[in-house]
PDB file of N, CA and C in Angstrom:
ATOM      1  N   UNK A   1       0.822  -1.194   0.000  1.00  0.00           N
ATOM      2  CA  UNK A   1       0.000   0.000   0.000  1.00  0.00           C
ATOM      3  C   UNK A   1       0.862   1.252   0.000  1.00  0.00           C
ATOM      4  N   UNK A   2       1.935   1.256   0.808  1.00  0.00           N
ATOM      5  CA  UNK A   2       2.810   2.420   0.852  1.00  0.00           C
ATOM      6  C   UNK A   2       3.496   2.656  -0.491  1.00  0.00           C
ATOM      7  N   UNK A   3       3.841   1.571  -1.195  1.00  0.00           N
ATOM      8  CA  UNK A   3       4.479   1.705  -2.501  1.00  0.00           C
ATOM      9  C   UNK A   3       3.512   2.339  -3.504  1.00  0.00           C
ATOM     10  N   UNK A   4       2.220   1.986  -3.414  1.00  0.00           N
ATOM     11  CA  UNK A   4       1.205   2.550  -4.307  1.00  0.00           C
ATOM     12  C   UNK A   4       1.084   4.049  -4.085  1.00  0.00           C
ATOM     13  N   UNK A   5       1.075   4.490  -2.850  1.00  0.00           N
ATOM     14  CA  UNK A   5       0.991   5.912  -2.519  1.00  0.00           C
ATOM     15  C   UNK A   5       2.237   6.636  -3.013  1.00  0.00           C
ATOM     16  N   UNK A   6       3.409   6.023  -2.848  1.00  0.00           N
ATOM     17  CA  UNK A   6       4.658   6.628  -3.311  1.00  0.00           C
ATOM     18  C   UNK A   6       4.643   6.837  -4.828  1.00  0.00           C
ATOM     19  N   UNK A   7       4.104   5.847  -5.592  1.00  0.00           N
ATOM     20  CA  UNK A   7       4.048   5.976  -7.045  1.00  0.00           C
ATOM     21  C   UNK A   7       3.134   7.130  -7.452  1.00  0.00           C
ATOM     22  N   UNK A   8       2.021   7.276  -6.767  1.00  0.00           N
ATOM     23  CA  UNK A   8       1.102   8.365  -7.094  1.00  0.00           C
ATOM     24  C   UNK A   8       1.760   9.711  -6.829  1.00  0.00           C
ATOM     25  N   UNK A   9       2.483   9.832  -5.749  1.00  0.00           N
ATOM     26  CA  UNK A   9       3.141  11.094  -5.417  1.00  0.00           C
ATOM     27  C   UNK A   9       4.269  11.403  -6.390  1.00  0.00           C
ATOM     28  N   UNK A  10       4.928  10.379  -6.901  1.00  0.00           N
ATOM     29  CA  UNK A  10       6.084  10.600  -7.763  1.00  0.00           C
ATOM     30  C   UNK A  10       5.699  10.913  -9.208  1.00  0.00           C
ATOM     31  N   UNK A  11       4.427  10.777  -9.546  1.00  0.00           N
ATOM     32  CA  UNK A  11       3.998  11.083 -10.902  1.00  0.00           C
ATOM     33  C   UNK A  11       4.241   9.969 -11.885  1.00  0.00           C
ATOM     34  N   UNK A  12       4.392   8.742 -11.414  1.00  0.00           N
ATOM     35  CA  UNK A  12       4.637   7.610 -12.286  1.00  0.00           C
ATOM     36  C   UNK A  12       3.418   7.323 -13.155  1.00  0.00           C
ATOM     37  N   UNK A  13       2.225   7.608 -12.655  1.00  0.00           N
ATOM     38  CA  UNK A  13       1.023   7.329 -13.423  1.00  0.00           C
ATOM     39  C   UNK A  13       0.978   8.198 -14.671  1.00  0.00           C
ATOM     40  N   UNK A  14       0.698   7.587 -15.780  1.00  0.00           N
ATOM     41  CA  UNK A  14       0.681   8.294 -17.061  1.00  0.00           C
ATOM     42  C   UNK A  14      -0.748   8.608 -17.454  1.00  0.00           C
ATOM     43  N   UNK A  15      -0.890   9.587 -18.343  1.00  0.00           N
ATOM     44  CA  UNK A  15      -2.180   9.920 -18.922  1.00  0.00           C
ATOM     45  C   UNK A  15      -2.709   8.688 -19.645  1.00  0.00           C
ATOM     46  N   UNK A  16      -3.951   8.394 -19.470  1.00  0.00           N
ATOM     47  CA  UNK A  16      -4.527   7.210 -20.100  1.00  0.00           C
ATOM     48  C   UNK A  16      -5.511   7.635 -21.186  1.00  0.00           C
ATOM     49  N   UNK A  17      -5.265   7.164 -22.396  1.00  0.00           N
ATOM     50  CA  UNK A  17      -6.082   7.560 -23.546  1.00  0.00           C
ATOM     51  C   UNK A  17      -7.439   6.887 -23.511  1.00  0.00           C
ATOM     52  N   UNK A  18      -8.464   7.675 -23.767  1.00  0.00           N
ATOM     53  CA  UNK A  18      -9.807   7.135 -23.922  1.00  0.00           C
ATOM     54  C   UNK A  18     -10.344   6.414 -22.713  1.00  0.00           C
ATOM     55  N   UNK A  19      -9.814   6.686 -21.559  1.00  0.00           N
ATOM     56  CA  UNK A  19     -10.322   6.060 -20.356  1.00  0.00           C
ATOM     57  C   UNK A  19      -9.904   4.606 -20.193  1.00  0.00           C
ATOM     58  N   UNK A  20      -8.989   4.124 -21.013  1.00  0.00           N
ATOM     59  CA  UNK A  20      -8.535   2.745 -20.872  1.00  0.00           C
ATOM     60  C   UNK A  20      -7.558   2.661 -19.722  1.00  0.00           C
ATOM     61  N   UNK A  21      -7.324   1.449 -19.267  1.00  0.00           N
ATOM     62  CA  UNK A  21      -6.403   1.271 -18.150  1.00  0.00           C
ATOM     63  C   UNK A  21      -4.966   1.076 -18.625  1.00  0.00           C
ATOM     64  N   UNK A  22      -4.750   1.063 -19.947  1.00  0.00           N
ATOM     65  CA  UNK A  22      -3.399   0.884 -20.474  1.00  0.00           C
ATOM     66  C   UNK A  22      -2.669   2.224 -20.533  1.00  0.00           C
ATOM     67  N   UNK A  23      -1.442   2.265 -20.029  1.00  0.00           N
ATOM     68  CA  UNK A  23      -0.676   3.520 -20.093  1.00  0.00           C
ATOM     69  C   UNK A  23      -0.274   3.844 -21.530  1.00  0.00           C
ATOM     70  N   UNK A  24      -0.129   5.123 -21.818  1.00  0.00           N
ATOM     71  CA  UNK A  24       0.326   5.570 -23.132  1.00  0.00           C
ATOM     72  C   UNK A  24       1.558   6.438 -22.937  1.00  0.00           C
ATOM     73  N   UNK A  25       2.338   6.577 -24.001  1.00  0.00           N
ATOM     74  CA  UNK A  25       3.541   7.402 -23.905  1.00  0.00           C
ATOM     75  C   UNK A  25       3.150   8.875 -23.805  1.00  0.00           C
ATOM     76  N   UNK A  26       4.050   9.681 -23.323  1.00  0.00           N
ATOM     77  CA  UNK A  26       3.797  11.119 -23.210  1.00  0.00           C
ATOM     78  C   UNK A  26       3.552  11.722 -24.587  1.00  0.00           C
ATOM     79  N   UNK A  27       4.302  11.270 -25.591  1.00  0.00           N
ATOM     80  CA  UNK A  27       4.133  11.773 -26.956  1.00  0.00           C
ATOM     81  C   UNK A  27       2.744  11.477 -27.499  1.00  0.00           C
ATOM     82  N   UNK A  28       2.262  10.247 -27.277  1.00  0.00           N
ATOM     83  CA  UNK A  28       0.917   9.886 -27.725  1.00  0.00           C
ATOM     84  C   UNK A  28      -0.139  10.700 -26.995  1.00  0.00           C
ATOM     85  N   UNK A  29       0.069  10.939 -25.716  1.00  0.00           N
ATOM     86  CA  UNK A  29      -0.883  11.727 -24.932  1.00  0.00           C
ATOM     87  C   UNK A  29      -0.946  13.163 -25.444  1.00  0.00           C
ATOM     88  N   UNK A  30       0.206  13.728 -25.767  1.00  0.00           N
ATOM     89  CA  UNK A  30       0.253  15.106 -26.278  1.00  0.00           C
ATOM     90  C   UNK A  30      -0.419  15.176 -27.643  1.00  0.00           C
ATOM     91  N   UNK A  31      -0.128  14.201 -28.534  1.00  0.00           N
ATOM     92  CA  UNK A  31      -0.763  14.181 -29.852  1.00  0.00           C
ATOM     93  C   UNK A  31      -2.289  14.085 -29.726  1.00  0.00           C
ATOM     94  N   UNK A  32      -2.755  13.239 -28.818  1.00  0.00           N
ATOM     95  CA  UNK A  32      -4.194  13.091 -28.626  1.00  0.00           C
ATOM     96  C   UNK A  32      -4.802  14.390 -28.089  1.00  0.00           C
ATOM     97  N   UNK A  33      -4.120  15.038 -27.167  1.00  0.00           N
ATOM     98  CA  UNK A  33      -4.604  16.296 -26.614  1.00  0.00           C
ATOM     99  C   UNK A  33      -4.673  17.378 -27.691  1.00  0.00           C
ATOM    100  N   UNK A  34      -3.622  17.475 -28.514  1.00  0.00           N
ATOM    101  CA  UNK A  34      -3.587  18.458 -29.597  1.00  0.00           C
ATOM    102  C   UNK A  34      -4.750  18.217 -30.562  1.00  0.00           C
ATOM    103  N   UNK A  35      -4.997  16.955 -30.902  1.00  0.00           N
ATOM    104  CA  UNK A  35      -6.104  16.631 -31.805  1.00  0.00           C
ATOM    105  C   UNK A  35      -7.450  16.928 -31.160  1.00  0.00           C
ATOM    106  N   UNK A  36      -7.599  16.579 -29.889  1.00  0.00           N
ATOM    107  CA  UNK A  36      -8.866  16.819 -29.188  1.00  0.00           C
ATOM    108  C   UNK A  36      -9.172  18.301 -29.047  1.00  0.00           C
ATOM    109  N   UNK A  37      -8.150  19.119 -28.883  1.00  0.00           N
ATOM    110  CA  UNK A  37      -8.346  20.563 -28.737  1.00  0.00           C
ATOM    111  C   UNK A  37      -8.510  21.260 -30.083  1.00  0.00           C
ATOM    112  N   UNK A  38      -8.241  20.540 -31.171  1.00  0.00           N
ATOM    113  CA  UNK A  38      -8.407  21.111 -32.497  1.00  0.00           C
ATOM    114  C   UNK A  38      -7.320  22.093 -32.892  1.00  0.00           C
ATOM    115  N   UNK A  39      -6.144  21.960 -32.309  1.00  0.00           N
ATOM    116  CA  UNK A  39      -5.068  22.893 -32.633  1.00  0.00           C
ATOM    117  C   UNK A  39      -4.005  22.290 -33.548  1.00  0.00           C
ATOM    118  N   UNK A  40      -4.217  21.068 -33.989  1.00  0.00           N
ATOM    119  CA  UNK A  40      -3.237  20.408 -34.853  1.00  0.00           C
ATOM    120  C   UNK A  40      -3.019  21.211 -36.140  1.00  0.00           C
ATOM    121  N   UNK A  41      -4.102  21.697 -36.726  1.00  0.00           N
ATOM    122  CA  UNK A  41      -3.996  22.460 -37.970  1.00  0.00           C
ATOM    123  C   UNK A  41      -3.262  23.780 -37.743  1.00  0.00           C
ATOM    124  N   UNK A  42      -3.515  24.439 -36.626  1.00  0.00           N
ATOM    125  CA  UNK A  42      -2.825  25.693 -36.303  1.00  0.00           C
ATOM    126  C   UNK A  42      -1.328  25.453 -36.132  1.00  0.00           C
ATOM    127  N   UNK A  43      -0.965  24.331 -35.525  1.00  0.00           N
ATOM    128  CA  UNK A  43       0.451  24.013 -35.357  1.00  0.00           C
ATOM    129  C   UNK A  43       1.113  23.770 -36.715  1.00  0.00           C
ATOM    130  N   UNK A  44       0.404  23.124 -37.628  1.00  0.00           N
ATOM    131  CA  UNK A  44       0.946  22.910 -38.975  1.00  0.00           C
ATOM    132  C   UNK A  44       1.135  24.249 -39.691  1.00  0.00           C
ATOM    133  N   UNK A  45       0.171  25.156 -39.524  1.00  0.00           N
ATOM    134  CA  UNK A  45       0.287  26.471 -40.153  1.00  0.00           C
ATOM    135  C   UNK A  45       1.492  27.228 -39.604  1.00  0.00           C
ATOM    136  N   UNK A  46       1.699  27.152 -38.307  1.00  0.00           N
ATOM    137  CA  UNK A  46       2.846  27.823 -37.695  1.00  0.00           C
ATOM    138  C   UNK A  46       4.151  27.210 -38.189  1.00  0.00           C
ATOM    139  N   UNK A  47       4.147  25.913 -38.379  1.00  0.00           N
ATOM    140  CA  UNK A  47       5.337  25.221 -38.895  1.00  0.00           C
ATOM    141  C   UNK A  47       5.663  25.698 -40.309  1.00  0.00           C
ATOM    142  N   UNK A  48       4.632  25.932 -41.123  1.00  0.00           N
ATOM    143  CA  UNK A  48       4.846  26.453 -42.485  1.00  0.00           C
ATOM    144  C   UNK A  48       5.624  27.750 -42.419  1.00  0.00           C
ATOM    145  N   UNK A  49       5.226  28.645 -41.526  1.00  0.00           N
ATOM    146  CA  UNK A  49       5.901  29.944 -41.406  1.00  0.00           C
ATOM    147  C   UNK A  49       7.359  29.773 -41.004  1.00  0.00           C
ATOM    148  N   UNK A  50       7.620  28.834 -40.115  1.00  0.00           N
ATOM    149  CA  UNK A  50       9.001  28.652 -39.650  1.00  0.00           C
ATOM    150  C   UNK A  50       9.871  27.914 -40.675  1.00  0.00           C
ATOM    151  N   UNK A  51       9.266  27.236 -41.631  1.00  0.00           N
ATOM    152  CA  UNK A  51      10.016  26.485 -42.646  1.00  0.00           C
ATOM    153  C   UNK A  51      10.391  27.306 -43.873  1.00  0.00           C
ATOM    154  N   UNK A  52       9.882  28.522 -44.001  1.00  0.00           N
ATOM    155  CA  UNK A  52      10.069  29.302 -45.231  1.00  0.00           C
ATOM    156  C   UNK A  52      11.536  29.369 -45.654  1.00  0.00           C
ATOM    157  N   UNK A  53      12.413  29.789 -44.754  1.00  0.00           N
ATOM    158  CA  UNK A  53      13.835  29.937 -45.118  1.00  0.00           C
ATOM    159  C   UNK A  53      14.458  28.607 -45.517  1.00  0.00           C
ATOM    160  N   UNK A  54      14.103  27.556 -44.807  1.00  0.00           N
ATOM    161  CA  UNK A  54      14.653  26.237 -45.116  1.00  0.00           C
ATOM    162  C   UNK A  54      14.225  25.769 -46.513  1.00  0.00           C
ATOM    163  N   UNK A  55      12.995  26.047 -46.884  1.00  0.00           N
ATOM    164  CA  UNK A  55      12.472  25.583 -48.169  1.00  0.00           C
ATOM    165  C   UNK A  55      12.986  26.418 -49.336  1.00  0.00           C
ATOM    166  N   UNK A  56      13.007  27.749 -49.199  1.00  0.00           N
ATOM    167  CA  UNK A  56      13.413  28.601 -50.324  1.00  0.00           C
ATOM    168  C   UNK A  56      14.900  28.910 -50.329  1.00  0.00           C
ATOM    169  N   UNK A  57      15.576  28.715 -49.222  1.00  0.00           N
ATOM    170  CA  UNK A  57      17.001  29.008 -49.130  1.00  0.00           C
ATOM    171  C   UNK A  57      17.255  30.399 -48.572  1.00  0.00           C
ATOM    172  N   UNK A  58      18.459  30.609 -48.072  1.00  0.00           N
ATOM    173  CA  UNK A  58      18.803  31.883 -47.423  1.00  0.00           C
ATOM    174  C   UNK A  58      18.750  33.071 -48.373  1.00  0.00           C
ATOM    175  N   UNK A  59      19.206  32.871 -49.609  1.00  0.00           N
ATOM    176  CA  UNK A  59      19.237  33.988 -50.564  1.00  0.00           C
ATOM    177  C   UNK A  59      17.839  34.532 -50.852  1.00  0.00           C
ATOM    178  N   UNK A  60      16.912  33.639 -51.142  1.00  0.00           N
ATOM    179  CA  UNK A  60      15.536  34.070 -51.425  1.00  0.00           C
ATOM    180  C   UNK A  60      14.862  34.567 -50.154  1.00  0.00           C
ATOM    181  N   UNK A  61      15.096  33.890 -49.047  1.00  0.00           N
ATOM    182  CA  UNK A  61      14.481  34.319 -47.781  1.00  0.00           C
ATOM    183  C   UNK A  61      14.932  35.725 -47.392  1.00  0.00           C
ATOM    184  N   UNK A  62      16.140  36.105 -47.783  1.00  0.00           N
ATOM    185  CA  UNK A  62      16.650  37.431 -47.411  1.00  0.00           C
ATOM    186  C   UNK A  62      15.980  38.562 -48.212  1.00  0.00           C
ATOM    187  N   UNK A  63      15.356  38.225 -49.324  1.00  0.00           N
ATOM    188  CA  UNK A  63      14.690  39.253 -50.139  1.00  0.00           C
ATOM    189  C   UNK A  63      13.171  39.051 -50.170  1.00  0.00           C
ATOM    190  N   UNK A  64      12.682  38.205 -49.269  1.00  0.00           N
ATOM    191  CA  UNK A  64      11.239  37.983 -49.158  1.00  0.00           C
ATOM    192  C   UNK A  64      10.822  38.083 -47.694  1.00  0.00           C
ATOM    193  N   UNK A  65       9.533  38.189 -47.503  1.00  0.00           N
ATOM    194  CA  UNK A  65       8.972  38.217 -46.146  1.00  0.00           C
ATOM    195  C   UNK A  65       7.619  37.506 -46.196  1.00  0.00           C
ATOM    196  N   UNK A  66       7.401  36.577 -45.270  1.00  0.00           N
ATOM    197  CA  UNK A  66       6.101  35.936 -45.158  1.00  0.00           C
ATOM    198  C   UNK A  66       5.218  36.879 -44.353  1.00  0.00           C
ATOM    199  N   UNK A  67       4.157  37.371 -44.986  1.00  0.00           N
ATOM    200  CA  UNK A  67       3.281  38.352 -44.354  1.00  0.00           C
ATOM    201  C   UNK A  67       2.161  37.726 -43.541  1.00  0.00           C
ATOM    202  N   UNK A  68       1.728  36.556 -43.932  1.00  0.00           N
ATOM    203  CA  UNK A  68       0.639  35.938 -43.195  1.00  0.00           C
ATOM    204  C   UNK A  68       0.194  34.640 -43.817  1.00  0.00           C
ATOM    205  N   UNK A  69      -0.683  33.973 -43.069  1.00  0.00           N
ATOM    206  CA  UNK A  69      -1.195  32.690 -43.518  1.00  0.00           C
ATOM    207  C   UNK A  69      -2.616  32.558 -42.999  1.00  0.00           C
ATOM    208  N   UNK A  70      -3.558  32.492 -43.907  1.00  0.00           N
ATOM    209  CA  UNK A  70      -4.959  32.415 -43.502  1.00  0.00           C
ATOM    210  C   UNK A  70      -5.757  31.638 -44.551  1.00  0.00           C
ATOM    211  N   UNK A  71      -6.567  30.711 -44.077  1.00  0.00           N
ATOM    212  CA  UNK A  71      -7.439  29.962 -44.977  1.00  0.00           C
ATOM    213  C   UNK A  71      -6.707  29.231 -46.086  1.00  0.00           C
ATOM    214  N   UNK A  72      -5.525  28.717 -45.804  1.00  0.00           N
ATOM    215  CA  UNK A  72      -4.754  28.002 -46.810  1.00  0.00           C
ATOM    216  C   UNK A  72      -3.977  28.886 -47.758  1.00  0.00           C
ATOM    217  N   UNK A  73      -4.059  30.211 -47.561  1.00  0.00           N
ATOM    218  CA  UNK A  73      -3.344  31.153 -48.438  1.00  0.00           C
ATOM    219  C   UNK A  73      -2.146  31.743 -47.708  1.00  0.00           C
ATOM    220  N   UNK A  74      -0.971  31.480 -48.245  1.00  0.00           N
ATOM    221  CA  UNK A  74       0.270  32.022 -47.707  1.00  0.00           C
ATOM    222  C   UNK A  74       0.602  33.286 -48.497  1.00  0.00           C
ATOM    223  N   UNK A  75       0.692  34.411 -47.805  1.00  0.00           N
ATOM    224  CA  UNK A  75       0.997  35.682 -48.463  1.00  0.00           C
ATOM    225  C   UNK A  75       2.463  36.012 -48.246  1.00  0.00           C
ATOM    226  N   UNK A  76       3.166  36.259 -49.352  1.00  0.00           N
ATOM    227  CA  UNK A  76       4.601  36.513 -49.320  1.00  0.00           C
ATOM    228  C   UNK A  76       4.902  37.788 -50.093  1.00  0.00           C
ATOM    229  N   UNK A  77       5.733  38.631 -49.527  1.00  0.00           N
ATOM    230  CA  UNK A  77       6.199  39.837 -50.221  1.00  0.00           C
ATOM    231  C   UNK A  77       7.636  39.621 -50.676  1.00  0.00           C
ATOM    232  N   UNK A  78       7.927  40.099 -51.887  1.00  0.00           N
ATOM    233  CA  UNK A  78       9.280  40.054 -52.433  1.00  0.00           C
ATOM    234  C   UNK A  78       9.793  41.483 -52.560  1.00  0.00           C
ATOM    235  N   UNK A  79      11.095  41.639 -52.512  1.00  0.00           N
ATOM    236  CA  UNK A  79      11.730  42.954 -52.539  1.00  0.00           C
ATOM    237  C   UNK A  79      11.504  43.695 -53.854  1.00  0.00           C
ATOM    238  N   UNK A  80      11.470  42.953 -54.969  1.00  0.00           N
ATOM    239  CA  UNK A  80      11.252  43.614 -56.262  1.00  0.00           C
ATOM    240  C   UNK A  80      10.509  42.675 -57.209  1.00  0.00           C
ATOM    241  N   UNK A  81      10.152  43.194 -58.361  1.00  0.00           N
ATOM    242  CA  UNK A  81       9.357  42.442 -59.324  1.00  0.00           C
ATOM    243  C   UNK A  81      10.104  41.234 -59.879  1.00  0.00           C
ATOM    244  N   UNK A  82      11.410  41.347 -60.008  1.00  0.00           N
ATOM    245  CA  UNK A  82      12.203  40.228 -60.532  1.00  0.00           C
ATOM    246  C   UNK A  82      12.108  39.025 -59.604  1.00  0.00           C
ATOM    247  N   UNK A  83      12.283  39.272 -58.307  1.00  0.00           N
ATOM    248  CA  UNK A  83      12.189  38.169 -57.349  1.00  0.00           C
ATOM    249  C   UNK A  83      10.762  37.631 -57.266  1.00  0.00           C
ATOM    250  N   UNK A  84       9.802  38.524 -57.328  1.00  0.00           N
ATOM    251  CA  UNK A  84       8.403  38.102 -57.313  1.00  0.00           C
ATOM    252  C   UNK A  84       8.102  37.217 -58.521  1.00  0.00           C
ATOM    253  N   UNK A  85       8.629  37.601 -59.677  1.00  0.00           N
ATOM    254  CA  UNK A  85       8.435  36.813 -60.895  1.00  0.00           C
ATOM    255  C   UNK A  85       9.066  35.432 -60.753  1.00  0.00           C
ATOM    256  N   UNK A  86      10.285  35.384 -60.237  1.00  0.00           N
ATOM    257  CA  UNK A  86      10.956  34.098 -60.035  1.00  0.00           C
ATOM    258  C   UNK A  86      10.126  33.221 -59.106  1.00  0.00           C
ATOM    259  N   UNK A  87       9.628  33.812 -58.013  1.00  0.00           N
ATOM    260  CA  UNK A  87       8.808  33.055 -57.065  1.00  0.00           C
ATOM    261  C   UNK A  87       7.528  32.543 -57.717  1.00  0.00           C
ATOM    262  N   UNK A  88       6.953  33.347 -58.597  1.00  0.00           N
ATOM    263  CA  UNK A  88       5.715  32.942 -59.265  1.00  0.00           C
ATOM    264  C   UNK A  88       5.924  31.628 -60.025  1.00  0.00           C
ATOM    265  N   UNK A  89       7.075  31.492 -60.670  1.00  0.00           N
ATOM    266  CA  UNK A  89       7.374  30.261 -61.394  1.00  0.00           C
ATOM    267  C   UNK A  89       7.678  29.091 -60.466  1.00  0.00           C
ATOM    268  N   UNK A  90       8.105  29.390 -59.257  1.00  0.00           N
ATOM    269  CA  UNK A  90       8.474  28.355 -58.300  1.00  0.00           C
ATOM    270  C   UNK A  90       7.377  28.038 -57.281  1.00  0.00           C
ATOM    271  N   UNK A  91       6.280  28.782 -57.329  1.00  0.00           N
ATOM    272  CA  UNK A  91       5.230  28.662 -56.306  1.00  0.00           C
ATOM    273  C   UNK A  91       4.737  27.236 -56.103  1.00  0.00           C
ATOM    274  N   UNK A  92       4.476  26.529 -57.177  1.00  0.00           N
ATOM    275  CA  UNK A  92       3.926  25.180 -57.040  1.00  0.00           C
ATOM    276  C   UNK A  92       4.918  24.255 -56.335  1.00  0.00           C
ATOM    277  N   UNK A  93       6.182  24.347 -56.719  1.00  0.00           N
ATOM    278  CA  UNK A  93       7.215  23.524 -56.083  1.00  0.00           C
ATOM    279  C   UNK A  93       7.374  23.892 -54.606  1.00  0.00           C
ATOM    280  N   UNK A  94       7.405  25.180 -54.313  1.00  0.00           N
ATOM    281  CA  UNK A  94       7.532  25.644 -52.926  1.00  0.00           C
ATOM    282  C   UNK A  94       6.341  25.160 -52.107  1.00  0.00           C
ATOM    283  N   UNK A  95       5.135  25.299 -52.657  1.00  0.00           N
ATOM    284  CA  UNK A  95       3.923  24.864 -51.968  1.00  0.00           C
ATOM    285  C   UNK A  95       3.965  23.367 -51.667  1.00  0.00           C
ATOM    286  N   UNK A  96       4.359  22.575 -52.650  1.00  0.00           N
ATOM    287  CA  UNK A  96       4.448  21.127 -52.463  1.00  0.00           C
ATOM    288  C   UNK A  96       5.475  20.770 -51.396  1.00  0.00           C
ATOM    289  N   UNK A  97       6.625  21.441 -51.418  1.00  0.00           N
ATOM    290  CA  UNK A  97       7.674  21.169 -50.430  1.00  0.00           C
ATOM    291  C   UNK A  97       7.232  21.544 -49.015  1.00  0.00           C
ATOM    292  N   UNK A  98       6.557  22.674 -48.885  1.00  0.00           N
ATOM    293  CA  UNK A  98       6.039  23.077 -47.573  1.00  0.00           C
ATOM    294  C   UNK A  98       5.033  22.052 -47.056  1.00  0.00           C
ATOM    295  N   UNK A  99       4.097  21.660 -47.909  1.00  0.00           N
ATOM    296  CA  UNK A  99       3.079  20.695 -47.501  1.00  0.00           C
ATOM    297  C   UNK A  99       3.683  19.344 -47.143  1.00  0.00           C
ATOM    298  N   UNK A 100       4.693  18.922 -47.893  1.00  0.00           N
ATOM    299  CA  UNK A 100       5.351  17.655 -47.597  1.00  0.00           C
ATOM    300  C   UNK A 100       6.010  17.700 -46.214  1.00  0.00           C
ATOM    301  N   UNK A 101       6.655  18.822 -45.916  1.00  0.00           N
ATOM    302  CA  UNK A 101       7.346  18.952 -44.631  1.00  0.00           C
ATOM    303  C   UNK A 101       6.389  18.970 -43.436  1.00  0.00           C
ATOM    304  N   UNK A 102       5.211  19.566 -43.601  1.00  0.00           N
ATOM    305  CA  UNK A 102       4.259  19.630 -42.473  1.00  0.00           C
ATOM    306  C   UNK A 102       3.325  18.432 -42.445  1.00  0.00           C
ATOM    307  N   UNK A 103       3.341  17.617 -43.489  1.00  0.00           N
ATOM    308  CA  UNK A 103       2.545  16.402 -43.486  1.00  0.00           C
ATOM    309  C   UNK A 103       1.070  16.604 -43.756  1.00  0.00           C
ATOM    310  N   UNK A 104       0.745  17.448 -44.698  1.00  0.00           N
ATOM    311  CA  UNK A 104      -0.657  17.648 -45.057  1.00  0.00           C
ATOM    312  C   UNK A 104      -0.806  18.781 -46.053  1.00  0.00           C
ATOM    313  N   UNK A 105      -1.986  18.886 -46.635  1.00  0.00           N
ATOM    314  CA  UNK A 105      -2.279  19.921 -47.624  1.00  0.00           C
ATOM    315  C   UNK A 105      -2.704  21.194 -46.901  1.00  0.00           C
ATOM    316  N   UNK A 106      -1.737  21.870 -46.285  1.00  0.00           N
ATOM    317  CA  UNK A 106      -2.000  23.059 -45.482  1.00  0.00           C
ATOM    318  C   UNK A 106      -1.986  24.305 -46.360  1.00  0.00           C
ATOM    319  N   UNK A 107      -0.975  24.418 -47.229  1.00  0.00           N
ATOM    320  CA  UNK A 107      -0.858  25.573 -48.127  1.00  0.00           C
ATOM    321  C   UNK A 107      -1.582  25.247 -49.424  1.00  0.00           C
ATOM    322  N   UNK A 108      -2.625  26.005 -49.705  1.00  0.00           N
ATOM    323  CA  UNK A 108      -3.403  25.799 -50.929  1.00  0.00           C
ATOM    324  C   UNK A 108      -2.904  26.714 -52.052  1.00  0.00           C
ATOM    325  N   UNK A 109      -2.512  27.926 -51.681  1.00  0.00           N
ATOM    326  CA  UNK A 109      -2.067  28.908 -52.675  1.00  0.00           C
ATOM    327  C   UNK A 109      -1.043  29.843 -52.034  1.00  0.00           C
ATOM    328  N   UNK A 110      -0.092  30.302 -52.838  1.00  0.00           N
ATOM    329  CA  UNK A 110       0.872  31.306 -52.382  1.00  0.00           C
ATOM    330  C   UNK A 110       0.574  32.587 -53.144  1.00  0.00           C
ATOM    331  N   UNK A 111       0.261  33.635 -52.417  1.00  0.00           N
ATOM    332  CA  UNK A 111      -0.050  34.944 -53.011  1.00  0.00           C
ATOM    333  C   UNK A 111       1.191  35.826 -52.884  1.00  0.00           C
ATOM    334  N   UNK A 112       1.594  36.429 -53.980  1.00  0.00           N
ATOM    335  CA  UNK A 112       2.824  37.232 -54.007  1.00  0.00           C
ATOM    336  C   UNK A 112       2.516  38.728 -54.123  1.00  0.00           C
ATOM    337  N   UNK A 113       3.338  39.520 -53.443  1.00  0.00           N
ATOM    338  CA  UNK A 113       3.275  40.973 -53.528  1.00  0.00           C
ATOM    339  C   UNK A 113       4.700  41.506 -53.645  1.00  0.00           C
ATOM    340  N   UNK A 114       4.823  42.738 -54.084  1.00  0.00           N
ATOM    341  CA  UNK A 114       6.130  43.399 -54.142  1.00  0.00           C
ATOM    342  C   UNK A 114       6.159  44.479 -53.078  1.00  0.00           C
ATOM    343  N   UNK A 115       7.247  44.474 -52.283  1.00  0.00           N
ATOM    344  CA  UNK A 115       7.427  45.470 -51.225  1.00  0.00           C
ATOM    345  C   UNK A 115       8.889  45.870 -51.194  1.00  0.00           C
ATOM    346  N   UNK A 116       9.235  47.008 -51.805  1.00  0.00           N
ATOM    347  CA  UNK A 116      10.633  47.453 -51.871  1.00  0.00           C
ATOM    348  C   UNK A 116      11.261  47.739 -50.517  1.00  0.00           C
ATOM    349  N   UNK A 117      10.463  47.840 -49.472  1.00  0.00           N
ATOM    350  CA  UNK A 117      11.028  48.160 -48.149  1.00  0.00           C
ATOM    351  C   UNK A 117      11.701  46.951 -47.491  1.00  0.00           C
ATOM    352  N   UNK A 118      11.602  45.776 -48.073  1.00  0.00           N
ATOM    353  CA  UNK A 118      12.248  44.582 -47.502  1.00  0.00           C
ATOM    354  C   UNK A 118      13.753  44.736 -47.634  1.00  0.00           C
ATOM    355  N   UNK A 119      14.449  44.582 -46.558  1.00  0.00           N
ATOM    356  CA  UNK A 119      15.926  44.662 -46.562  1.00  0.00           C
ATOM    357  C   UNK A 119      16.501  43.484 -45.887  1.00  0.00           C
TER     358      UNK A 119
END
């Protein structure tokens, strides 16, 4: 009995999925919680924003800025029309690479703008 009380105090008991008596890993518990709260899609969207430089490379990332992401539309500003034009030709590839990295069809379209103030 004393050992049972000690285990409860030490936090050995794990979150149990779906009310079952079988323990689950912390990772599985977190994934289930994220899905139950409906924030999985928001986390994927945030991941898209953080992956921009990795996907397009440092040179392009230095002359672009991700302005926002809403409803599957990623809005990106480029420093000048030349870079915007280059991105326009690469949009489909960039979109596919972003979606592959986040594991789902999160980015539906990339909208481009020109903003000379990007430095």
